[in-house]
Amino acid sequence: MGVQFDRFSIALLILRPDAPQLGEEAANRLQDAHMSHLADLHEAGYLLAAGPLFDDKFRGLTILNVEPERALALKKQDPAVIAGRFSVTVISWMVPKGAMTFSHTRFPRSMSEVEEP
């Protein structure tokens, strides 16, 4: 019997070289709107995991349980993408069935809900 696979979509947020320059208050509002969008996607059951990447170009990674086309459409609704801060690349990912499991958790809706490590 052959191995079965689970399919996920990986979305990478890429910092645009032409991203608008924002003041601190506007940048904070945009970050909070971005985080709220991620929380909405998780609560709707599309987003399995998400978090920042500490890289000059690649700034965020999300794992979604929808087809790549749907993942791209959902990620293009992110306020930070709409504002021109990020572009999005979506890649299909397969792993042996059951190799990855994700728990439902609470995603913060703003930086005020985040505890610094």
C-alpha atoms as a PDB file:
ATOM      1  CA  MET A   1       0.000   0.000   0.000  1.00  0.00           C
ATOM      2  CA  GLY A   2       1.384   3.410  -1.009  1.00  0.00           C
ATOM      3  CA  VAL A   3       1.907   6.383   1.255  1.00  0.00           C
ATOM      4  CA  GLN A   4      -0.849   8.992   1.235  1.00  0.00           C
ATOM      5  CA  PHE A   5      -0.104  12.696   1.526  1.00  0.00           C
ATOM      6  CA  ASP A   6      -1.704  15.731   3.126  1.00  0.00           C
ATOM      7  CA  ARG A   7      -1.607  18.909   1.050  1.00  0.00           C
ATOM      8  CA  PHE A   8      -1.194  22.396   2.453  1.00  0.00           C
ATOM      9  CA  SER A   9      -0.513  25.819   0.997  1.00  0.00           C
ATOM     10  CA  ILE A  10       2.464  27.812   2.264  1.00  0.00           C
ATOM     11  CA  ALA A  11       2.156  31.573   1.828  1.00  0.00           C
ATOM     12  CA  LEU A  12       5.221  33.774   2.126  1.00  0.00           C
ATOM     13  CA  LEU A  13       4.908  37.504   2.742  1.00  0.00           C
ATOM     14  CA  ILE A  14       7.701  39.331   0.953  1.00  0.00           C
ATOM     15  CA  LEU A  15       8.674  42.891   1.864  1.00  0.00           C
ATOM     16  CA  ARG A  16       8.187  44.990  -1.250  1.00  0.00           C
ATOM     17  CA  PRO A  17      11.119  47.212  -2.229  1.00  0.00           C
ATOM     18  CA  ASP A  18       8.576  49.931  -3.089  1.00  0.00           C
ATOM     19  CA  ALA A  19       6.658  49.556   0.198  1.00  0.00           C
ATOM     20  CA  PRO A  20       5.197  52.876   1.380  1.00  0.00           C
ATOM     21  CA  GLN A  21       7.065  54.623   4.151  1.00  0.00           C
ATOM     22  CA  LEU A  22       4.774  54.882   7.162  1.00  0.00           C
ATOM     23  CA  GLY A  23       5.028  56.811  10.385  1.00  0.00           C
ATOM     24  CA  GLU A  24       5.095  54.836  13.624  1.00  0.00           C
ATOM     25  CA  GLU A  25       1.379  55.262  14.355  1.00  0.00           C
ATOM     26  CA  ALA A  26       0.307  54.260  10.826  1.00  0.00           C
ATOM     27  CA  ALA A  27       2.725  51.302  10.836  1.00  0.00           C
ATOM     28  CA  ASN A  28       1.322  50.120  14.177  1.00  0.00           C
ATOM     29  CA  ARG A  29      -2.265  50.381  12.896  1.00  0.00           C
ATOM     30  CA  LEU A  30      -1.350  48.427   9.771  1.00  0.00           C
ATOM     31  CA  GLN A  31       0.392  45.709  11.837  1.00  0.00           C
ATOM     32  CA  ASP A  32      -2.679  45.374  14.059  1.00  0.00           C
ATOM     33  CA  ALA A  33      -4.958  45.119  10.992  1.00  0.00           C
ATOM     34  CA  HIS A  34      -2.621  42.451   9.539  1.00  0.00           C
ATOM     35  CA  MET A  35      -2.748  40.453  12.775  1.00  0.00           C
ATOM     36  CA  SER A  36      -6.526  40.753  12.972  1.00  0.00           C
ATOM     37  CA  HIS A  37      -6.796  39.408   9.407  1.00  0.00           C
ATOM     38  CA  LEU A  38      -4.678  36.377  10.374  1.00  0.00           C
ATOM     39  CA  ALA A  39      -6.881  35.766  13.427  1.00  0.00           C
ATOM     40  CA  ASP A  40      -9.975  35.959  11.197  1.00  0.00           C
ATOM     41  CA  LEU A  41      -8.498  33.376   8.798  1.00  0.00           C
ATOM     42  CA  HIS A  42      -7.689  31.062  11.709  1.00  0.00           C
ATOM     43  CA  GLU A  43     -11.135  31.424  13.259  1.00  0.00           C
ATOM     44  CA  ALA A  44     -12.698  30.679   9.853  1.00  0.00           C
ATOM     45  CA  GLY A  45     -10.701  27.430   9.720  1.00  0.00           C
ATOM     46  CA  TYR A  46      -8.414  28.310   6.791  1.00  0.00           C
ATOM     47  CA  LEU A  47      -5.206  29.243   8.604  1.00  0.00           C
ATOM     48  CA  LEU A  48      -3.362  26.515  10.509  1.00  0.00           C
ATOM     49  CA  ALA A  49      -0.208  28.382  11.561  1.00  0.00           C
ATOM     50  CA  ALA A  50       1.376  31.780  10.992  1.00  0.00           C
ATOM     51  CA  GLY A  51       4.265  33.808  12.245  1.00  0.00           C
ATOM     52  CA  PRO A  52       6.940  36.323  11.389  1.00  0.00           C
ATOM     53  CA  LEU A  53      10.195  35.445   9.662  1.00  0.00           C
ATOM     54  CA  PHE A  54      13.313  37.281  10.769  1.00  0.00           C
ATOM     55  CA  ASP A  55      14.724  38.013   7.338  1.00  0.00           C
ATOM     56  CA  ASP A  56      15.237  41.218   5.354  1.00  0.00           C
ATOM     57  CA  LYS A  57      13.102  39.983   2.446  1.00  0.00           C
ATOM     58  CA  PHE A  58      10.803  37.190   3.694  1.00  0.00           C
ATOM     59  CA  ARG A  59       8.726  38.623   6.541  1.00  0.00           C
ATOM     60  CA  GLY A  60       5.982  36.100   7.278  1.00  0.00           C
ATOM     61  CA  LEU A  61       4.927  32.513   6.710  1.00  0.00           C
ATOM     62  CA  THR A  62       1.466  31.015   6.891  1.00  0.00           C
ATOM     63  CA  ILE A  63       0.243  27.459   6.441  1.00  0.00           C
ATOM     64  CA  LEU A  64      -3.280  27.139   5.106  1.00  0.00           C
ATOM     65  CA  ASN A  65      -5.474  24.091   4.503  1.00  0.00           C
ATOM     66  CA  VAL A  66      -6.907  25.343   1.188  1.00  0.00           C
ATOM     67  CA  GLU A  67      -5.777  25.032  -2.425  1.00  0.00           C
ATOM     68  CA  PRO A  68      -3.035  27.468  -3.511  1.00  0.00           C
ATOM     69  CA  GLU A  69      -5.424  29.599  -5.584  1.00  0.00           C
ATOM     70  CA  ARG A  70      -7.757  30.064  -2.603  1.00  0.00           C
ATOM     71  CA  ALA A  71      -4.792  30.713  -0.285  1.00  0.00           C
ATOM     72  CA  LEU A  72      -3.553  33.467  -2.608  1.00  0.00           C
ATOM     73  CA  ALA A  73      -6.997  35.058  -2.756  1.00  0.00           C
ATOM     74  CA  LEU A  74      -7.273  35.013   1.057  1.00  0.00           C
ATOM     75  CA  LYS A  75      -3.775  36.424   1.544  1.00  0.00           C
ATOM     76  CA  LYS A  76      -4.401  39.210  -0.984  1.00  0.00           C
ATOM     77  CA  GLN A  77      -7.148  40.422   1.390  1.00  0.00           C
ATOM     78  CA  ASP A  78      -4.516  41.101   4.094  1.00  0.00           C
ATOM     79  CA  PRO A  79      -4.494  44.856   4.836  1.00  0.00           C
ATOM     80  CA  ALA A  80      -0.662  44.864   4.703  1.00  0.00           C
ATOM     81  CA  VAL A  81      -0.785  43.392   1.184  1.00  0.00           C
ATOM     82  CA  ILE A  82      -3.514  45.819   0.102  1.00  0.00           C
ATOM     83  CA  ALA A  83      -1.432  48.713   1.480  1.00  0.00           C
ATOM     84  CA  GLY A  84       1.532  47.625  -0.645  1.00  0.00           C
ATOM     85  CA  ARG A  85       3.837  46.628   2.229  1.00  0.00           C
ATOM     86  CA  PHE A  86       4.017  42.966   1.215  1.00  0.00           C
ATOM     87  CA  SER A  87       3.647  40.838  -1.858  1.00  0.00           C
ATOM     88  CA  VAL A  88       2.559  37.207  -1.539  1.00  0.00           C
ATOM     89  CA  THR A  89       3.941  33.972  -2.947  1.00  0.00           C
ATOM     90  CA  VAL A  90       1.990  30.747  -2.419  1.00  0.00           C
ATOM     91  CA  ILE A  91       3.569  27.308  -2.733  1.00  0.00           C
ATOM     92  CA  SER A  92       1.838  23.925  -2.552  1.00  0.00           C
ATOM     93  CA  TRP A  93       3.325  21.627   0.103  1.00  0.00           C
ATOM     94  CA  MET A  94       2.827  17.899   0.651  1.00  0.00           C
ATOM     95  CA  VAL A  95       3.806  15.826   3.662  1.00  0.00           C
ATOM     96  CA  PRO A  96       3.103  12.170   4.476  1.00  0.00           C
ATOM     97  CA  LYS A  97      -0.450  11.923   5.811  1.00  0.00           C
ATOM     98  CA  GLY A  98      -0.529  12.621   9.542  1.00  0.00           C
ATOM     99  CA  ALA A  99       3.055  13.930   9.739  1.00  0.00           C
ATOM    100  CA  MET A 100       1.825  17.429  10.599  1.00  0.00           C
ATOM    101  CA  THR A 101      -0.954  18.229  13.021  1.00  0.00           C
ATOM    102  CA  PHE A 102      -2.194  21.643  14.052  1.00  0.00           C
ATOM    103  CA  SER A 103      -4.173  22.647  17.124  1.00  0.00           C
ATOM    104  CA  HIS A 104      -6.796  25.337  17.210  1.00  0.00           C
ATOM    105  CA  THR A 105      -5.357  28.189  19.227  1.00  0.00           C
ATOM    106  CA  ARG A 106      -5.967  31.874  19.740  1.00  0.00           C
ATOM    107  CA  PHE A 107      -4.168  34.228  17.366  1.00  0.00           C
ATOM    108  CA  PRO A 108      -3.557  37.742  18.739  1.00  0.00           C
ATOM    109  CA  ARG A 109      -5.507  40.496  16.998  1.00  0.00           C
ATOM    110  CA  SER A 110      -3.011  43.263  17.821  1.00  0.00           C
ATOM    111  CA  MET A 111       0.472  43.857  19.170  1.00  0.00           C
ATOM    112  CA  SER A 112      -1.088  44.895  22.489  1.00  0.00           C
ATOM    113  CA  GLU A 113      -2.004  41.206  23.003  1.00  0.00           C
ATOM    114  CA  VAL A 114       1.549  39.945  22.376  1.00  0.00           C
ATOM    115  CA  GLU A 115       3.919  39.204  25.234  1.00  0.00           C
ATOM    116  CA  GLU A 116       7.530  39.935  24.409  1.00  0.00           C
ATOM    117  CA  PRO A 117       9.786  36.858  24.723  1.00  0.00           C
END
